Amino acid sequence: METQSTSVFDIIIWSGAAISLLGLIGLIWCILRVSRAKRAKLDDEAMRKVLQSALPLNLGALFLSVIGLMMVIVGIFLA
């Protein structure tokens, strides 16, 4: 029987996929949060507050997704 060992590149690929998935979940959460606020038909000031609080989270989630995908690509290239 052949035993398979986990290489460093496999760990990079799977951790990158997990990080990218966390970023995707964050992006979906931001979309749901803003759409809920839009459906509530808030006034301009309240809507602006919701958008201002969602923007940094949106950028952070996008950053996580990009970093995760970069890790996957680097892991595949080096494997």
Protein backbone atom coordinates (compact mmCIF):
# COMPACT_ATOMS: atom_id res chain seq x y z
CA MET A 1 0.00 0.00 0.00
CA GLU A 2 1.15 3.47 -0.81
CA THR A 3 1.09 6.12 1.89
CA GLN A 4 0.49 9.68 0.91
CA SER A 5 2.15 12.45 2.79
CA THR A 6 0.85 15.97 2.86
CA SER A 7 3.30 18.40 1.32
CA VAL A 8 3.71 22.04 2.19
CA PHE A 9 2.14 22.95 -1.13
CA ASP A 10 -1.02 21.00 -0.34
CA ILE A 11 -1.30 22.93 2.91
CA ILE A 12 -0.82 26.23 1.05
CA ILE A 13 -3.51 25.29 -1.48
CA TRP A 14 -6.09 24.19 1.08
CA SER A 15 -5.45 27.06 3.48
CA GLY A 16 -5.72 29.48 0.54
CA ALA A 17 -9.04 27.91 -0.42
CA ALA A 18 -10.29 28.28 3.16
CA ILE A 19 -9.21 31.93 3.33
CA SER A 20 -10.84 32.61 -0.01
CA LEU A 21 -14.05 30.98 1.22
CA LEU A 22 -14.03 33.21 4.31
CA GLY A 23 -13.69 36.23 2.05
CA LEU A 24 -16.59 35.03 -0.09
CA ILE A 25 -18.76 34.60 2.99
CA GLY A 26 -17.85 38.13 4.05
CA LEU A 27 -18.80 39.51 0.63
CA ILE A 28 -22.15 37.73 0.73
CA TRP A 29 -22.76 39.06 4.23
CA CYS A 30 -22.07 42.63 3.05
CA ILE A 31 -24.43 42.20 0.11
CA LEU A 32 -27.20 40.92 2.38
CA ARG A 33 -26.64 43.72 4.88
CA VAL A 34 -26.89 46.48 2.27
CA SER A 35 -29.85 44.89 0.51
CA ARG A 36 -31.69 44.60 3.84
CA ALA A 37 -31.06 48.29 4.45
CA LYS A 38 -32.25 49.13 0.95
CA ARG A 39 -35.46 47.15 1.44
CA ALA A 40 -36.07 48.96 4.73
CA LYS A 41 -36.21 52.22 2.73
CA LEU A 42 -34.12 54.16 5.20
CA ASP A 43 -33.62 57.88 4.90
CA ASP A 44 -30.42 59.19 3.36
CA GLU A 45 -28.53 59.66 6.63
CA ALA A 46 -29.33 56.16 7.94
CA MET A 47 -28.50 54.58 4.59
CA ARG A 48 -25.21 56.46 4.49
CA LYS A 49 -24.30 55.09 7.94
CA VAL A 50 -25.08 51.54 6.85
CA LEU A 51 -22.99 51.93 3.70
CA GLN A 52 -20.11 53.53 5.60
CA SER A 53 -20.03 50.65 8.05
CA ALA A 54 -20.28 48.02 5.30
CA LEU A 55 -17.54 49.47 3.08
CA PRO A 56 -14.50 48.52 5.24
CA LEU A 57 -15.92 45.03 5.77
CA ASN A 58 -16.49 44.70 2.05
CA LEU A 59 -12.92 45.73 1.24
CA GLY A 60 -11.54 43.40 3.91
CA ALA A 61 -13.55 40.47 2.56
CA LEU A 62 -12.38 41.25 -0.96
CA PHE A 63 -8.78 41.37 0.29
CA LEU A 64 -9.18 37.95 1.96
CA SER A 65 -10.60 36.48 -1.23
CA VAL A 66 -7.75 37.81 -3.34
CA ILE A 67 -5.06 36.66 -0.90
CA GLY A 68 -6.64 33.22 -0.69
CA LEU A 69 -6.80 32.85 -4.45
CA MET A 70 -3.19 33.99 -4.74
CA MET A 71 -2.16 31.34 -2.23
CA VAL A 72 -3.98 28.68 -4.25
CA ILE A 73 -2.30 29.77 -7.48
CA VAL A 74 1.16 29.90 -5.89
CA GLY A 75 0.63 26.48 -4.34
CA ILE A 76 -0.42 25.00 -7.67
CA PHE A 77 2.51 26.56 -9.54
CA LEU A 78 5.08 25.38 -7.01
CA ALA A 79 3.64 21.87 -6.53
